[in-house]
């Protein structure tokens, strides 16, 4: 079994914000693979699908971003899920808009949802797929920026990134993290 955990904030107030691109990727995968109506379990919206012949849990934590680790830890403990079988999907304001970066492990890089996961799991040894949302303009506060919606000229790029991220996740499930890193990290969206 695999688990794909898309990070974001619950509720309509945060829908389609920069911080919720992880949720959008989960939605795309559910759409592609017939996820149906998700169940509420482990403080998350949870859908079970088959991707590349493998049972896959699509997880959207319903805690706020900064408490995402609580949900992931409960899933891992309940299913006795090896960390190699979990992939975290989140936004990254240190990457250009639409740029994807897959890693097999590493630091949080300032992403508070990832930091909470590291703290809760006690390790940095889990795969993550970051989706670039760009830097805040001028002196804009980073929190206001990540909780804001995309500008009129940005949705096309982020929609392409979400589709590419979903492709990359399908590849991760079928071919593993190294092949996915080689593919995803080389992509450029224009």
C-alpha atoms as a PDB file:
ATOM      1  CA  UNK A   1       0.000   0.000   0.000  1.00  0.00           C
ATOM      2  CA  UNK A   2       1.083   3.558  -0.750  1.00  0.00           C
ATOM      3  CA  UNK A   3      -0.085   6.814   0.831  1.00  0.00           C
ATOM      4  CA  UNK A   4      -0.027  10.212  -0.865  1.00  0.00           C
ATOM      5  CA  UNK A   5      -0.563  13.027   1.624  1.00  0.00           C
ATOM      6  CA  UNK A   6      -1.394  16.417   0.137  1.00  0.00           C
ATOM      7  CA  UNK A   7      -0.895  19.291   2.566  1.00  0.00           C
ATOM      8  CA  UNK A   8      -3.226  22.248   2.886  1.00  0.00           C
ATOM      9  CA  UNK A   9      -5.739  23.970   5.135  1.00  0.00           C
ATOM     10  CA  UNK A  10      -9.325  22.726   5.497  1.00  0.00           C
ATOM     11  CA  UNK A  11     -12.464  24.691   4.733  1.00  0.00           C
ATOM     12  CA  UNK A  12     -13.828  26.935   1.994  1.00  0.00           C
ATOM     13  CA  UNK A  13     -11.873  29.966   3.215  1.00  0.00           C
ATOM     14  CA  UNK A  14      -8.635  28.332   2.026  1.00  0.00           C
ATOM     15  CA  UNK A  15      -9.886  26.616  -1.123  1.00  0.00           C
ATOM     16  CA  UNK A  16      -7.700  27.390  -4.154  1.00  0.00           C
ATOM     17  CA  UNK A  17      -5.092  29.262  -2.129  1.00  0.00           C
ATOM     18  CA  UNK A  18      -1.383  28.853  -2.760  1.00  0.00           C
ATOM     19  CA  UNK A  19      -0.970  26.831   0.425  1.00  0.00           C
ATOM     20  CA  UNK A  20      -3.540  24.272  -0.791  1.00  0.00           C
ATOM     21  CA  UNK A  21      -1.909  22.993  -3.962  1.00  0.00           C
ATOM     22  CA  UNK A  22      -1.284  19.691  -2.152  1.00  0.00           C
ATOM     23  CA  UNK A  23      -5.055  19.276  -1.784  1.00  0.00           C
ATOM     24  CA  UNK A  24      -5.504  20.099  -5.466  1.00  0.00           C
ATOM     25  CA  UNK A  25      -3.094  17.331  -6.483  1.00  0.00           C
ATOM     26  CA  UNK A  26      -4.986  14.853  -4.276  1.00  0.00           C
ATOM     27  CA  UNK A  27      -8.200  15.985  -5.998  1.00  0.00           C
ATOM     28  CA  UNK A  28      -6.674  15.419  -9.435  1.00  0.00           C
ATOM     29  CA  UNK A  29      -5.546  11.907  -8.496  1.00  0.00           C
ATOM     30  CA  UNK A  30      -8.970  11.082  -7.034  1.00  0.00           C
ATOM     31  CA  UNK A  31     -10.589  12.313 -10.263  1.00  0.00           C
ATOM     32  CA  UNK A  32      -8.251  10.223 -12.453  1.00  0.00           C
ATOM     33  CA  UNK A  33      -8.611   7.052 -10.433  1.00  0.00           C
ATOM     34  CA  UNK A  34     -12.256   7.116  -9.306  1.00  0.00           C
ATOM     35  CA  UNK A  35     -11.710   8.120  -5.706  1.00  0.00           C
ATOM     36  CA  UNK A  36     -15.380   8.876  -5.085  1.00  0.00           C
ATOM     37  CA  UNK A  37     -16.526  10.641  -1.950  1.00  0.00           C
ATOM     38  CA  UNK A  38     -13.715  10.598   0.634  1.00  0.00           C
ATOM     39  CA  UNK A  39     -14.210   9.222   4.130  1.00  0.00           C
ATOM     40  CA  UNK A  40     -13.280  11.213   7.209  1.00  0.00           C
ATOM     41  CA  UNK A  41     -10.751   9.184   9.162  1.00  0.00           C
ATOM     42  CA  UNK A  42      -7.482   9.890  11.003  1.00  0.00           C
ATOM     43  CA  UNK A  43      -8.300  13.637  10.951  1.00  0.00           C
ATOM     44  CA  UNK A  44      -8.251  13.535   7.143  1.00  0.00           C
ATOM     45  CA  UNK A  45     -10.325  13.171   4.039  1.00  0.00           C
ATOM     46  CA  UNK A  46      -9.258   9.752   2.859  1.00  0.00           C
ATOM     47  CA  UNK A  47      -9.933   8.040  -0.473  1.00  0.00           C
ATOM     48  CA  UNK A  48      -8.720   4.591  -1.450  1.00  0.00           C
ATOM     49  CA  UNK A  49      -7.852   4.053  -5.109  1.00  0.00           C
ATOM     50  CA  UNK A  50      -5.780   1.704  -7.234  1.00  0.00           C
ATOM     51  CA  UNK A  51      -2.860   3.343  -9.053  1.00  0.00           C
ATOM     52  CA  UNK A  52      -0.426   1.253 -11.115  1.00  0.00           C
ATOM     53  CA  UNK A  53      -1.997  -1.861  -9.597  1.00  0.00           C
ATOM     54  CA  UNK A  54      -1.332  -0.752  -6.022  1.00  0.00           C
ATOM     55  CA  UNK A  55      -3.790   0.171  -3.301  1.00  0.00           C
ATOM     56  CA  UNK A  56      -3.157   3.874  -2.666  1.00  0.00           C
ATOM     57  CA  UNK A  57      -4.542   6.117   0.044  1.00  0.00           C
ATOM     58  CA  UNK A  58      -5.148   9.702  -1.056  1.00  0.00           C
ATOM     59  CA  UNK A  59      -4.995  11.801   2.090  1.00  0.00           C
ATOM     60  CA  UNK A  60      -5.966  15.440   2.690  1.00  0.00           C
ATOM     61  CA  UNK A  61      -5.359  16.211   6.396  1.00  0.00           C
ATOM     62  CA  UNK A  62      -8.161  18.226   7.954  1.00  0.00           C
ATOM     63  CA  UNK A  63      -5.857  19.681  10.568  1.00  0.00           C
ATOM     64  CA  UNK A  64      -4.308  22.985   9.617  1.00  0.00           C
ATOM     65  CA  UNK A  65      -1.072  22.905   7.617  1.00  0.00           C
ATOM     66  CA  UNK A  66       1.126  23.391  10.681  1.00  0.00           C
ATOM     67  CA  UNK A  67      -0.358  20.279  12.363  1.00  0.00           C
ATOM     68  CA  UNK A  68      -0.234  17.934   9.339  1.00  0.00           C
ATOM     69  CA  UNK A  69       2.140  15.548  11.077  1.00  0.00           C
ATOM     70  CA  UNK A  70      -0.540  14.437  13.519  1.00  0.00           C
ATOM     71  CA  UNK A  71      -2.639  12.917  10.740  1.00  0.00           C
ATOM     72  CA  UNK A  72       0.333  11.350   8.929  1.00  0.00           C
ATOM     73  CA  UNK A  73       1.632   9.780  12.145  1.00  0.00           C
ATOM     74  CA  UNK A  74      -1.779   8.225  12.876  1.00  0.00           C
ATOM     75  CA  UNK A  75      -1.933   6.752   9.354  1.00  0.00           C
ATOM     76  CA  UNK A  76       1.580   5.341   9.544  1.00  0.00           C
ATOM     77  CA  UNK A  77       0.947   3.788  12.946  1.00  0.00           C
ATOM     78  CA  UNK A  78      -2.452   2.304  12.037  1.00  0.00           C
ATOM     79  CA  UNK A  79      -1.398   0.800   8.704  1.00  0.00           C
ATOM     80  CA  UNK A  80       2.183   0.006   9.819  1.00  0.00           C
ATOM     81  CA  UNK A  81       3.191   1.925   6.705  1.00  0.00           C
ATOM     82  CA  UNK A  82       6.912   2.106   5.929  1.00  0.00           C
ATOM     83  CA  UNK A  83       8.030   5.689   5.288  1.00  0.00           C
ATOM     84  CA  UNK A  84       9.226   4.600   1.833  1.00  0.00           C
ATOM     85  CA  UNK A  85       5.562   4.084   0.936  1.00  0.00           C
ATOM     86  CA  UNK A  86       4.466   7.625   1.840  1.00  0.00           C
ATOM     87  CA  UNK A  87       4.785  10.719  -0.333  1.00  0.00           C
ATOM     88  CA  UNK A  88       4.057  14.236   0.897  1.00  0.00           C
ATOM     89  CA  UNK A  89       2.846  16.869  -1.602  1.00  0.00           C
ATOM     90  CA  UNK A  90       3.067  20.539  -0.633  1.00  0.00           C
ATOM     91  CA  UNK A  91       3.623  24.089  -1.807  1.00  0.00           C
ATOM     92  CA  UNK A  92       7.032  25.766  -1.769  1.00  0.00           C
ATOM     93  CA  UNK A  93       7.505  29.516  -1.969  1.00  0.00           C
ATOM     94  CA  UNK A  94      11.218  29.063  -2.612  1.00  0.00           C
ATOM     95  CA  UNK A  95      10.499  27.549  -6.030  1.00  0.00           C
ATOM     96  CA  UNK A  96       9.335  29.494  -9.069  1.00  0.00           C
ATOM     97  CA  UNK A  97       5.643  29.247  -9.851  1.00  0.00           C
ATOM     98  CA  UNK A  98       4.850  25.811 -11.261  1.00  0.00           C
ATOM     99  CA  UNK A  99       8.341  24.369 -10.753  1.00  0.00           C
ATOM    100  CA  UNK A 100       8.315  20.867  -9.223  1.00  0.00           C
ATOM    101  CA  UNK A 101      10.972  19.397  -6.988  1.00  0.00           C
ATOM    102  CA  UNK A 102      10.938  15.771  -5.849  1.00  0.00           C
ATOM    103  CA  UNK A 103      13.241  14.585  -3.080  1.00  0.00           C
ATOM    104  CA  UNK A 104      13.594  11.275  -1.253  1.00  0.00           C
ATOM    105  CA  UNK A 105      14.345  13.057   2.035  1.00  0.00           C
ATOM    106  CA  UNK A 106      15.654  16.342   3.408  1.00  0.00           C
ATOM    107  CA  UNK A 107      14.910  19.335   5.558  1.00  0.00           C
ATOM    108  CA  UNK A 108      11.651  21.254   5.718  1.00  0.00           C
ATOM    109  CA  UNK A 109      13.204  24.193   3.902  1.00  0.00           C
ATOM    110  CA  UNK A 110      10.970  26.599   5.830  1.00  0.00           C
ATOM    111  CA  UNK A 111       7.707  24.789   4.968  1.00  0.00           C
ATOM    112  CA  UNK A 112       5.893  24.534   8.296  1.00  0.00           C
ATOM    113  CA  UNK A 113       3.710  21.584   7.328  1.00  0.00           C
ATOM    114  CA  UNK A 114       6.820  19.594   6.416  1.00  0.00           C
ATOM    115  CA  UNK A 115       8.500  20.703   9.642  1.00  0.00           C
ATOM    116  CA  UNK A 116       5.553  19.413  11.655  1.00  0.00           C
ATOM    117  CA  UNK A 117       5.790  16.079   9.830  1.00  0.00           C
ATOM    118  CA  UNK A 118       9.514  15.860  10.585  1.00  0.00           C
ATOM    119  CA  UNK A 119       8.861  16.694  14.237  1.00  0.00           C
ATOM    120  CA  UNK A 120       6.025  14.155  14.588  1.00  0.00           C
ATOM    121  CA  UNK A 121       7.761  11.359  12.678  1.00  0.00           C
ATOM    122  CA  UNK A 122      11.180  12.028  14.214  1.00  0.00           C
ATOM    123  CA  UNK A 123      12.912  11.851  10.840  1.00  0.00           C
ATOM    124  CA  UNK A 124      13.466  13.664   7.541  1.00  0.00           C
ATOM    125  CA  UNK A 125      13.578  10.311   5.710  1.00  0.00           C
ATOM    126  CA  UNK A 126      10.383  10.503   3.666  1.00  0.00           C
ATOM    127  CA  UNK A 127       9.736  11.530   0.072  1.00  0.00           C
ATOM    128  CA  UNK A 128       8.227  14.879  -0.758  1.00  0.00           C
ATOM    129  CA  UNK A 129       7.047  16.565  -3.919  1.00  0.00           C
ATOM    130  CA  UNK A 130       7.120  20.348  -3.689  1.00  0.00           C
ATOM    131  CA  UNK A 131       5.168  22.585  -6.037  1.00  0.00           C
ATOM    132  CA  UNK A 132       6.524  26.078  -6.560  1.00  0.00           C
ATOM    133  CA  UNK A 133       4.203  28.953  -5.772  1.00  0.00           C
ATOM    134  CA  UNK A 134       6.802  31.716  -6.211  1.00  0.00           C
ATOM    135  CA  UNK A 135       7.958  34.387  -3.784  1.00  0.00           C
ATOM    136  CA  UNK A 136       5.780  37.117  -2.293  1.00  0.00           C
ATOM    137  CA  UNK A 137       6.016  40.385  -4.218  1.00  0.00           C
ATOM    138  CA  UNK A 138       7.785  43.356  -2.622  1.00  0.00           C
ATOM    139  CA  UNK A 139       7.423  43.504   1.141  1.00  0.00           C
ATOM    140  CA  UNK A 140       4.331  41.269   1.291  1.00  0.00           C
ATOM    141  CA  UNK A 141       4.162  39.021   4.349  1.00  0.00           C
ATOM    142  CA  UNK A 142       4.852  35.358   3.481  1.00  0.00           C
ATOM    143  CA  UNK A 143       1.841  34.152   5.504  1.00  0.00           C
ATOM    144  CA  UNK A 144      -0.525  36.486   3.660  1.00  0.00           C
ATOM    145  CA  UNK A 145       1.007  35.351   0.387  1.00  0.00           C
ATOM    146  CA  UNK A 146       0.660  31.579   0.926  1.00  0.00           C
ATOM    147  CA  UNK A 147      -2.891  32.008   2.233  1.00  0.00           C
ATOM    148  CA  UNK A 148      -3.815  34.161  -0.766  1.00  0.00           C
ATOM    149  CA  UNK A 149      -5.279  33.135  -4.085  1.00  0.00           C
ATOM    150  CA  UNK A 150      -3.374  33.005  -7.344  1.00  0.00           C
ATOM    151  CA  UNK A 151      -3.284  36.131  -9.522  1.00  0.00           C
ATOM    152  CA  UNK A 152      -5.249  36.156 -12.780  1.00  0.00           C
ATOM    153  CA  UNK A 153      -2.143  35.357 -14.836  1.00  0.00           C
ATOM    154  CA  UNK A 154      -1.104  32.337 -12.713  1.00  0.00           C
ATOM    155  CA  UNK A 155      -3.852  29.635 -12.761  1.00  0.00           C
ATOM    156  CA  UNK A 156      -2.839  28.167 -16.117  1.00  0.00           C
ATOM    157  CA  UNK A 157       0.718  27.547 -14.894  1.00  0.00           C
ATOM    158  CA  UNK A 158      -0.378  26.066 -11.557  1.00  0.00           C
ATOM    159  CA  UNK A 159      -2.963  23.849 -13.267  1.00  0.00           C
ATOM    160  CA  UNK A 160      -0.202  22.465 -15.524  1.00  0.00           C
ATOM    161  CA  UNK A 161       1.963  21.908 -12.437  1.00  0.00           C
ATOM    162  CA  UNK A 162      -0.852  20.019 -10.692  1.00  0.00           C
ATOM    163  CA  UNK A 163      -1.288  17.733 -13.715  1.00  0.00           C
ATOM    164  CA  UNK A 164       2.467  17.148 -13.901  1.00  0.00           C
ATOM    165  CA  UNK A 165       2.591  16.476 -10.146  1.00  0.00           C
ATOM    166  CA  UNK A 166      -0.166  13.861 -10.509  1.00  0.00           C
ATOM    167  CA  UNK A 167       1.788  12.263 -13.382  1.00  0.00           C
ATOM    168  CA  UNK A 168       4.868  12.227 -11.171  1.00  0.00           C
ATOM    169  CA  UNK A 169       2.993  10.573  -8.306  1.00  0.00           C
ATOM    170  CA  UNK A 170       1.735   7.855 -10.637  1.00  0.00           C
ATOM    171  CA  UNK A 171       5.351   7.320 -11.709  1.00  0.00           C
ATOM    172  CA  UNK A 172       6.508   7.219  -8.049  1.00  0.00           C
ATOM    173  CA  UNK A 173       3.988   4.473  -7.306  1.00  0.00           C
ATOM    174  CA  UNK A 174       5.006   2.446 -10.377  1.00  0.00           C
ATOM    175  CA  UNK A 175       8.753   3.152 -10.737  1.00  0.00           C
ATOM    176  CA  UNK A 176       9.989   4.494  -7.380  1.00  0.00           C
ATOM    177  CA  UNK A 177      11.464   7.709  -6.122  1.00  0.00           C
ATOM    178  CA  UNK A 178      14.711   7.854  -8.149  1.00  0.00           C
ATOM    179  CA  UNK A 179      13.011   7.535 -11.556  1.00  0.00           C
ATOM    180  CA  UNK A 180      10.420  10.088 -10.480  1.00  0.00           C
ATOM    181  CA  UNK A 181      13.085  12.546  -9.337  1.00  0.00           C
ATOM    182  CA  UNK A 182      14.868  12.213 -12.683  1.00  0.00           C
ATOM    183  CA  UNK A 183      11.642  12.912 -14.575  1.00  0.00           C
ATOM    184  CA  UNK A 184       9.899  15.526 -12.420  1.00  0.00           C
ATOM    185  CA  UNK A 185      12.926  17.628 -11.527  1.00  0.00           C
ATOM    186  CA  UNK A 186      13.832  18.036 -15.210  1.00  0.00           C
ATOM    187  CA  UNK A 187      10.421  19.421 -16.224  1.00  0.00           C
ATOM    188  CA  UNK A 188       9.993  23.081 -17.127  1.00  0.00           C
ATOM    189  CA  UNK A 189       6.639  24.810 -17.466  1.00  0.00           C
ATOM    190  CA  UNK A 190       6.476  27.808 -19.779  1.00  0.00           C
END
